[in-house]
Amino acid sequence: MATPQQTHRPDALTLEVVGLIGDVVARYHADFDEAATRHTLTGAQARLLSLLSLEPLPMRKLAQKLKCEPSNVTGIVDRLESRGLVERRPDPADRRVKLAAATEEGLRVARELRDGLRFAREPLAGLSEAERLSLRDLLQRMLGASPGA
């Protein structure tokens, strides 16, 4: 027997919102890839560097966050390491585990990547602070996080 959730079809407004979210994601990725290209990085390299600018992470966790195979992450880290943007270091909690970490140069490039995102400057800048706070809280709620977290 079908549950009410299984038989419920999204209404037109829900479908419109889903389409708009898809458009926002596509625009963000295009803008991010363009910013990456200015630094002669691929989109995947730039995303990995951005993650590492927040904190050092083990390869497995990077693969989970990037939704790709650990062997792909190893290749991306290798290329970033050869450019002096990332380094491998032992995890203080478990010396058997290697962490990937952004170098000072990597942190600088990650900062420039963030600053170079037109999407963050243009459409979001057109919203008031109250509207951006409301949007943030709604997005967090959709993702299951507590608002304002």
N, C-alpha and C. Protein backbone atom coordinates (compact mmCIF):
# COMPACT_ATOMS: atom_id res chain seq x y z
N MET A 1 0.85 -1.18 0.00
CA MET A 1 0.00 0.00 0.00
C MET A 1 0.89 1.24 0.00
N ALA A 2 0.56 2.24 -0.80
CA ALA A 2 1.36 3.46 -0.92
C ALA A 2 1.10 4.36 0.29
N THR A 3 2.17 4.95 0.76
CA THR A 3 2.03 5.91 1.85
C THR A 3 1.65 7.25 1.25
N PRO A 4 1.12 8.18 2.07
CA PRO A 4 0.75 9.50 1.53
C PRO A 4 1.94 10.21 0.87
N GLN A 5 3.14 10.02 1.41
CA GLN A 5 4.32 10.66 0.82
C GLN A 5 4.60 10.12 -0.58
N GLN A 6 4.39 8.83 -0.79
CA GLN A 6 4.69 8.23 -2.07
C GLN A 6 3.72 8.67 -3.16
N THR A 7 2.48 8.98 -2.79
CA THR A 7 1.48 9.35 -3.79
C THR A 7 1.40 10.87 -3.98
N HIS A 8 1.97 11.63 -3.09
CA HIS A 8 1.91 13.09 -3.18
C HIS A 8 2.80 13.58 -4.32
N ARG A 9 2.21 14.35 -5.20
CA ARG A 9 2.97 14.95 -6.31
C ARG A 9 3.23 16.41 -5.97
N PRO A 10 4.45 16.88 -6.29
CA PRO A 10 4.75 18.28 -5.99
C PRO A 10 3.82 19.23 -6.76
N ASP A 11 3.45 20.31 -6.10
CA ASP A 11 2.62 21.31 -6.74
C ASP A 11 3.49 22.19 -7.65
N ALA A 12 2.84 23.05 -8.43
CA ALA A 12 3.55 23.89 -9.40
C ALA A 12 4.56 24.81 -8.72
N LEU A 13 4.21 25.37 -7.57
CA LEU A 13 5.12 26.27 -6.87
C LEU A 13 6.38 25.52 -6.42
N THR A 14 6.20 24.32 -5.87
CA THR A 14 7.34 23.52 -5.44
C THR A 14 8.25 23.20 -6.62
N LEU A 15 7.67 22.84 -7.74
CA LEU A 15 8.46 22.55 -8.94
C LEU A 15 9.20 23.79 -9.43
N GLU A 16 8.56 24.95 -9.33
CA GLU A 16 9.22 26.20 -9.73
C GLU A 16 10.40 26.49 -8.81
N VAL A 17 10.21 26.30 -7.50
CA VAL A 17 11.30 26.54 -6.54
C VAL A 17 12.46 25.58 -6.81
N VAL A 18 12.16 24.31 -7.05
CA VAL A 18 13.20 23.33 -7.36
C VAL A 18 13.97 23.76 -8.61
N GLY A 19 13.27 24.22 -9.63
CA GLY A 19 13.92 24.69 -10.84
C GLY A 19 14.82 25.89 -10.57
N LEU A 20 14.36 26.81 -9.74
CA LEU A 20 15.16 27.99 -9.40
C LEU A 20 16.40 27.59 -8.60
N ILE A 21 16.26 26.63 -7.69
CA ILE A 21 17.42 26.14 -6.94
C ILE A 21 18.44 25.55 -7.91
N GLY A 22 17.96 24.78 -8.87
CA GLY A 22 18.86 24.22 -9.89
C GLY A 22 19.58 25.31 -10.67
N ASP A 23 18.86 26.37 -11.03
CA ASP A 23 19.48 27.49 -11.75
C ASP A 23 20.54 28.17 -10.89
N VAL A 24 20.25 28.34 -9.60
CA VAL A 24 21.22 28.96 -8.69
C VAL A 24 22.48 28.10 -8.60
N VAL A 25 22.30 26.79 -8.45
CA VAL A 25 23.45 25.88 -8.35
C VAL A 25 24.28 25.93 -9.63
N ALA A 26 23.63 25.90 -10.77
CA ALA A 26 24.34 25.94 -12.05
C ALA A 26 25.12 27.25 -12.19
N ARG A 27 24.49 28.35 -11.82
CA ARG A 27 25.17 29.65 -11.92
C ARG A 27 26.35 29.71 -10.96
N TYR A 28 26.19 29.21 -9.76
CA TYR A 28 27.29 29.18 -8.79
C TYR A 28 28.46 28.37 -9.34
N HIS A 29 28.18 27.17 -9.86
CA HIS A 29 29.26 26.32 -10.39
C HIS A 29 29.95 26.97 -11.57
N ALA A 30 29.20 27.61 -12.45
CA ALA A 30 29.81 28.29 -13.60
C ALA A 30 30.71 29.43 -13.13
N ASP A 31 30.25 30.19 -12.16
CA ASP A 31 31.04 31.30 -11.62
C ASP A 31 32.28 30.78 -10.91
N PHE A 32 32.11 29.71 -10.15
CA PHE A 32 33.24 29.11 -9.42
C PHE A 32 34.27 28.58 -10.40
N ASP A 33 33.82 27.90 -11.46
CA ASP A 33 34.76 27.37 -12.47
C ASP A 33 35.50 28.50 -13.17
N GLU A 34 34.81 29.61 -13.43
CA GLU A 34 35.46 30.76 -14.06
C GLU A 34 36.53 31.34 -13.14
N ALA A 35 36.22 31.47 -11.84
CA ALA A 35 37.20 31.98 -10.87
C ALA A 35 38.39 31.01 -10.80
N ALA A 36 38.13 29.71 -10.86
CA ALA A 36 39.20 28.71 -10.81
C ALA A 36 40.12 28.85 -12.02
N THR A 37 39.52 29.04 -13.19
CA THR A 37 40.29 29.18 -14.42
C THR A 37 41.26 30.36 -14.35
N ARG A 38 40.83 31.44 -13.71
CA ARG A 38 41.72 32.61 -13.56
C ARG A 38 42.97 32.26 -12.77
N HIS A 39 42.91 31.18 -11.99
CA HIS A 39 44.07 30.73 -11.19
C HIS A 39 44.67 29.46 -11.79
N THR A 40 44.31 29.17 -13.03
CA THR A 40 44.74 27.94 -13.73
C THR A 40 44.50 26.70 -12.87
N LEU A 41 43.31 26.64 -12.29
CA LEU A 41 42.86 25.49 -11.52
C LEU A 41 41.62 24.92 -12.19
N THR A 42 41.41 23.62 -12.03
CA THR A 42 40.14 23.04 -12.44
C THR A 42 39.11 23.35 -11.35
N GLY A 43 37.84 23.16 -11.68
CA GLY A 43 36.81 23.37 -10.67
C GLY A 43 37.00 22.46 -9.47
N ALA A 44 37.37 21.20 -9.71
CA ALA A 44 37.58 20.25 -8.61
C ALA A 44 38.76 20.68 -7.74
N GLN A 45 39.83 21.16 -8.37
CA GLN A 45 40.99 21.62 -7.60
C GLN A 45 40.60 22.82 -6.73
N ALA A 46 39.85 23.73 -7.31
CA ALA A 46 39.44 24.92 -6.56
C ALA A 46 38.51 24.55 -5.40
N ARG A 47 37.58 23.63 -5.64
CA ARG A 47 36.67 23.22 -4.56
C ARG A 47 37.44 22.55 -3.43
N LEU A 48 38.40 21.68 -3.79
CA LEU A 48 39.20 21.01 -2.77
C LEU A 48 40.02 22.03 -1.98
N LEU A 49 40.63 22.98 -2.68
CA LEU A 49 41.42 24.01 -2.00
C LEU A 49 40.53 24.85 -1.08
N SER A 50 39.33 25.15 -1.53
CA SER A 50 38.40 25.91 -0.68
C SER A 50 38.05 25.15 0.58
N LEU A 51 37.81 23.84 0.45
CA LEU A 51 37.54 23.01 1.63
C LEU A 51 38.72 23.03 2.59
N LEU A 52 39.94 22.90 2.04
CA LEU A 52 41.13 22.85 2.89
C LEU A 52 41.46 24.21 3.50
N SER A 53 40.92 25.27 2.94
CA SER A 53 41.17 26.59 3.53
C SER A 53 40.42 26.73 4.85
N LEU A 54 39.42 25.88 5.07
CA LEU A 54 38.65 25.91 6.32
C LEU A 54 39.32 25.09 7.40
N GLU A 55 39.89 23.92 6.99
CA GLU A 55 40.56 23.03 7.94
C GLU A 55 41.27 21.92 7.19
N PRO A 56 42.36 21.40 7.75
CA PRO A 56 42.99 20.21 7.14
C PRO A 56 42.04 19.02 7.25
N LEU A 57 42.04 18.18 6.21
CA LEU A 57 41.13 17.04 6.18
C LEU A 57 41.85 15.79 5.66
N PRO A 58 41.45 14.61 6.17
CA PRO A 58 41.98 13.37 5.59
C PRO A 58 41.39 13.14 4.20
N MET A 59 42.11 12.38 3.39
CA MET A 59 41.70 12.13 2.02
C MET A 59 40.28 11.55 1.93
N ARG A 60 39.97 10.61 2.80
CA ARG A 60 38.67 9.96 2.76
C ARG A 60 37.54 10.98 2.98
N LYS A 61 37.74 11.89 3.91
CA LYS A 61 36.71 12.90 4.19
C LYS A 61 36.59 13.87 3.01
N LEU A 62 37.73 14.21 2.39
CA LEU A 62 37.69 15.06 1.19
C LEU A 62 36.89 14.38 0.09
N ALA A 63 37.12 13.09 -0.10
CA ALA A 63 36.40 12.34 -1.13
C ALA A 63 34.89 12.36 -0.84
N GLN A 64 34.51 12.21 0.42
CA GLN A 64 33.10 12.25 0.78
C GLN A 64 32.50 13.62 0.49
N LYS A 65 33.20 14.67 0.87
CA LYS A 65 32.69 16.03 0.67
C LYS A 65 32.60 16.39 -0.81
N LEU A 66 33.55 15.90 -1.60
CA LEU A 66 33.55 16.18 -3.04
C LEU A 66 32.73 15.16 -3.82
N LYS A 67 32.26 14.14 -3.12
CA LYS A 67 31.46 13.06 -3.75
C LYS A 67 32.20 12.43 -4.92
N CYS A 68 33.44 12.01 -4.63
CA CYS A 68 34.24 11.33 -5.65
C CYS A 68 35.09 10.25 -4.99
N GLU A 69 35.78 9.48 -5.80
CA GLU A 69 36.60 8.38 -5.32
C GLU A 69 37.87 8.91 -4.64
N PRO A 70 38.33 8.24 -3.57
CA PRO A 70 39.57 8.67 -2.91
C PRO A 70 40.76 8.74 -3.86
N SER A 71 40.82 7.87 -4.87
CA SER A 71 41.95 7.92 -5.81
C SER A 71 41.92 9.22 -6.62
N ASN A 72 40.74 9.73 -6.92
CA ASN A 72 40.65 11.02 -7.61
C ASN A 72 41.17 12.15 -6.72
N VAL A 73 40.82 12.08 -5.44
CA VAL A 73 41.27 13.10 -4.49
C VAL A 73 42.80 13.08 -4.39
N THR A 74 43.37 11.88 -4.38
CA THR A 74 44.83 11.77 -4.32
C THR A 74 45.47 12.49 -5.50
N GLY A 75 44.92 12.31 -6.69
CA GLY A 75 45.45 12.99 -7.87
C GLY A 75 45.32 14.49 -7.79
N ILE A 76 44.17 14.97 -7.30
CA ILE A 76 43.95 16.41 -7.16
C ILE A 76 44.93 16.99 -6.15
N VAL A 77 45.09 16.30 -5.02
CA VAL A 77 46.02 16.77 -3.99
C VAL A 77 47.45 16.77 -4.54
N ASP A 78 47.82 15.72 -5.28
CA ASP A 78 49.16 15.67 -5.90
C ASP A 78 49.42 16.91 -6.75
N ARG A 79 48.44 17.27 -7.59
CA ARG A 79 48.63 18.42 -8.48
C ARG A 79 48.72 19.72 -7.69
N LEU A 80 47.88 19.87 -6.68
CA LEU A 80 47.93 21.08 -5.86
C LEU A 80 49.21 21.14 -5.04
N GLU A 81 49.67 19.98 -4.59
CA GLU A 81 50.91 19.92 -3.83
C GLU A 81 52.09 20.33 -4.71
N SER A 82 52.09 19.89 -5.97
CA SER A 82 53.19 20.24 -6.87
C SER A 82 53.24 21.74 -7.15
N ARG A 83 52.12 22.43 -6.97
CA ARG A 83 52.07 23.89 -7.15
C ARG A 83 52.30 24.65 -5.85
N GLY A 84 52.52 23.92 -4.75
CA GLY A 84 52.78 24.57 -3.46
C GLY A 84 51.54 25.12 -2.79
N LEU A 85 50.35 24.63 -3.18
CA LEU A 85 49.10 25.12 -2.60
C LEU A 85 48.59 24.24 -1.47
N VAL A 86 49.04 23.00 -1.46
CA VAL A 86 48.58 22.01 -0.47
C VAL A 86 49.78 21.21 0.00
N GLU A 87 49.72 20.76 1.24
CA GLU A 87 50.75 19.86 1.76
C GLU A 87 50.08 18.72 2.52
N ARG A 88 50.79 17.61 2.61
CA ARG A 88 50.30 16.48 3.42
C ARG A 88 51.04 16.52 4.74
N ARG A 89 50.30 16.22 5.80
CA ARG A 89 50.92 16.17 7.13
C ARG A 89 50.25 15.08 7.96
N PRO A 90 50.97 14.53 8.92
CA PRO A 90 50.36 13.49 9.76
C PRO A 90 49.25 14.08 10.63
N ASP A 91 48.22 13.28 10.84
CA ASP A 91 47.12 13.67 11.72
C ASP A 91 47.61 13.54 13.16
N PRO A 92 47.58 14.63 13.94
CA PRO A 92 48.06 14.54 15.34
C PRO A 92 47.29 13.50 16.16
N ALA A 93 46.03 13.23 15.79
CA ALA A 93 45.21 12.27 16.54
C ALA A 93 45.53 10.83 16.15
N ASP A 94 46.05 10.62 14.93
CA ASP A 94 46.36 9.28 14.45
C ASP A 94 47.47 9.40 13.41
N ARG A 95 48.69 9.15 13.82
CA ARG A 95 49.86 9.37 12.96
C ARG A 95 49.83 8.52 11.69
N ARG A 96 48.99 7.50 11.65
CA ARG A 96 48.89 6.67 10.44
C ARG A 96 48.11 7.37 9.34
N VAL A 97 47.32 8.37 9.72
CA VAL A 97 46.46 9.08 8.77
C VAL A 97 47.16 10.35 8.31
N LYS A 98 47.11 10.60 7.01
CA LYS A 98 47.66 11.83 6.45
C LYS A 98 46.53 12.83 6.22
N LEU A 99 46.78 14.06 6.61
CA LEU A 99 45.84 15.14 6.36
C LEU A 99 46.34 15.97 5.19
N ALA A 100 45.45 16.43 4.37
CA ALA A 100 45.79 17.42 3.36
C ALA A 100 45.48 18.77 3.98
N ALA A 101 46.39 19.72 3.80
CA ALA A 101 46.22 21.05 4.39
C ALA A 101 46.65 22.11 3.39
N ALA A 102 45.96 23.23 3.38
CA ALA A 102 46.33 24.34 2.51
C ALA A 102 47.59 25.00 3.08
N THR A 103 48.51 25.33 2.20
CA THR A 103 49.70 26.10 2.59
C THR A 103 49.30 27.58 2.68
N GLU A 104 50.22 28.43 3.08
CA GLU A 104 49.94 29.87 3.11
C GLU A 104 49.54 30.36 1.72
N GLU A 105 50.26 29.90 0.69
CA GLU A 105 49.93 30.27 -0.69
C GLU A 105 48.55 29.72 -1.06
N GLY A 106 48.24 28.51 -0.62
CA GLY A 106 46.93 27.92 -0.88
C GLY A 106 45.83 28.72 -0.22
N LEU A 107 46.06 29.19 0.99
CA LEU A 107 45.07 30.02 1.69
C LEU A 107 44.84 31.33 0.94
N ARG A 108 45.93 31.90 0.42
CA ARG A 108 45.82 33.15 -0.34
C ARG A 108 44.98 32.94 -1.60
N VAL A 109 45.27 31.87 -2.33
CA VAL A 109 44.53 31.56 -3.56
C VAL A 109 43.06 31.28 -3.23
N ALA A 110 42.78 30.53 -2.16
CA ALA A 110 41.40 30.24 -1.77
C ALA A 110 40.66 31.53 -1.44
N ARG A 111 41.33 32.46 -0.78
CA ARG A 111 40.72 33.76 -0.46
C ARG A 111 40.40 34.52 -1.75
N GLU A 112 41.34 34.51 -2.70
CA GLU A 112 41.10 35.18 -3.98
C GLU A 112 39.96 34.52 -4.76
N LEU A 113 39.87 33.20 -4.66
CA LEU A 113 38.76 32.49 -5.31
C LEU A 113 37.43 32.98 -4.75
N ARG A 114 37.33 33.03 -3.42
CA ARG A 114 36.08 33.49 -2.78
C ARG A 114 35.78 34.93 -3.17
N ASP A 115 36.82 35.78 -3.14
CA ASP A 115 36.62 37.19 -3.46
C ASP A 115 36.26 37.38 -4.93
N GLY A 116 36.66 36.44 -5.79
CA GLY A 116 36.41 36.56 -7.22
C GLY A 116 35.06 36.05 -7.67
N LEU A 117 34.26 35.53 -6.75
CA LEU A 117 32.94 35.00 -7.14
C LEU A 117 31.96 36.14 -7.38
N ARG A 118 31.64 36.38 -8.64
CA ARG A 118 30.68 37.43 -8.98
C ARG A 118 29.32 37.12 -8.40
N PHE A 119 28.97 35.85 -8.35
CA PHE A 119 27.65 35.45 -7.88
C PHE A 119 27.40 35.95 -6.46
N ALA A 120 28.44 35.90 -5.62
CA ALA A 120 28.28 36.37 -4.24
C ALA A 120 28.16 37.89 -4.19
N ARG A 121 28.80 38.58 -5.13
CA ARG A 121 28.77 40.04 -5.13
C ARG A 121 27.50 40.59 -5.77
N GLU A 122 27.03 39.95 -6.84
CA GLU A 122 25.94 40.55 -7.61
C GLU A 122 24.55 40.21 -7.09
N PRO A 123 24.02 38.99 -7.34
CA PRO A 123 22.64 38.74 -6.92
C PRO A 123 22.42 38.83 -5.41
N LEU A 124 23.33 38.29 -4.63
CA LEU A 124 23.14 38.32 -3.18
C LEU A 124 23.33 39.72 -2.63
N ALA A 125 24.21 40.50 -3.25
CA ALA A 125 24.43 41.86 -2.79
C ALA A 125 23.18 42.72 -2.99
N GLY A 126 22.31 42.31 -3.92
CA GLY A 126 21.07 43.04 -4.16
C GLY A 126 20.01 42.79 -3.10
N LEU A 127 20.27 41.83 -2.22
CA LEU A 127 19.34 41.54 -1.13
C LEU A 127 19.78 42.30 0.12
N SER A 128 18.82 42.72 0.92
CA SER A 128 19.16 43.38 2.18
C SER A 128 19.76 42.35 3.14
N GLU A 129 20.36 42.83 4.20
CA GLU A 129 20.92 41.91 5.19
C GLU A 129 19.82 41.02 5.78
N ALA A 130 18.66 41.59 6.03
CA ALA A 130 17.54 40.81 6.58
C ALA A 130 17.12 39.72 5.59
N GLU A 131 17.09 40.05 4.30
CA GLU A 131 16.72 39.06 3.28
C GLU A 131 17.77 37.95 3.19
N ARG A 132 19.07 38.32 3.27
CA ARG A 132 20.13 37.31 3.24
C ARG A 132 20.06 36.41 4.47
N LEU A 133 19.77 36.99 5.64
CA LEU A 133 19.62 36.19 6.86
C LEU A 133 18.44 35.23 6.72
N SER A 134 17.34 35.72 6.18
CA SER A 134 16.15 34.88 5.99
C SER A 134 16.45 33.75 5.00
N LEU A 135 17.11 34.08 3.89
CA LEU A 135 17.49 33.07 2.90
C LEU A 135 18.41 32.03 3.52
N ARG A 136 19.40 32.48 4.27
CA ARG A 136 20.32 31.55 4.94
C ARG A 136 19.55 30.61 5.86
N ASP A 137 18.65 31.17 6.66
CA ASP A 137 17.90 30.35 7.62
C ASP A 137 16.99 29.34 6.90
N LEU A 138 16.37 29.77 5.81
CA LEU A 138 15.52 28.85 5.05
C LEU A 138 16.34 27.73 4.41
N LEU A 139 17.49 28.07 3.85
CA LEU A 139 18.35 27.05 3.25
C LEU A 139 18.85 26.07 4.31
N GLN A 140 19.26 26.59 5.47
CA GLN A 140 19.69 25.70 6.55
C GLN A 140 18.56 24.79 6.98
N ARG A 141 17.36 25.33 7.06
CA ARG A 141 16.20 24.52 7.45
C ARG A 141 15.94 23.41 6.43
N MET A 142 16.07 23.76 5.13
CA MET A 142 15.88 22.75 4.08
C MET A 142 16.92 21.63 4.20
N LEU A 143 18.12 21.99 4.63
CA LEU A 143 19.21 21.01 4.74
C LEU A 143 19.23 20.31 6.09
N GLY A 144 18.28 20.64 6.96
CA GLY A 144 18.17 19.95 8.24
C GLY A 144 19.05 20.53 9.33
N ALA A 145 19.65 21.69 9.09
CA ALA A 145 20.48 22.33 10.12
C ALA A 145 19.61 23.34 10.86
N SER A 146 20.01 23.66 12.07
CA SER A 146 19.24 24.63 12.82
C SER A 146 19.56 26.04 12.30
N PRO A 147 18.54 26.88 12.10
CA PRO A 147 18.74 28.24 11.57
C PRO A 147 19.73 29.04 12.42
N GLY A 148 20.56 29.82 11.71
CA GLY A 148 21.55 30.66 12.39
C GLY A 148 22.75 29.91 12.89
N ALA A 149 22.84 28.59 12.62
CA ALA A 149 23.96 27.80 13.14
C ALA A 149 25.24 28.16 12.43
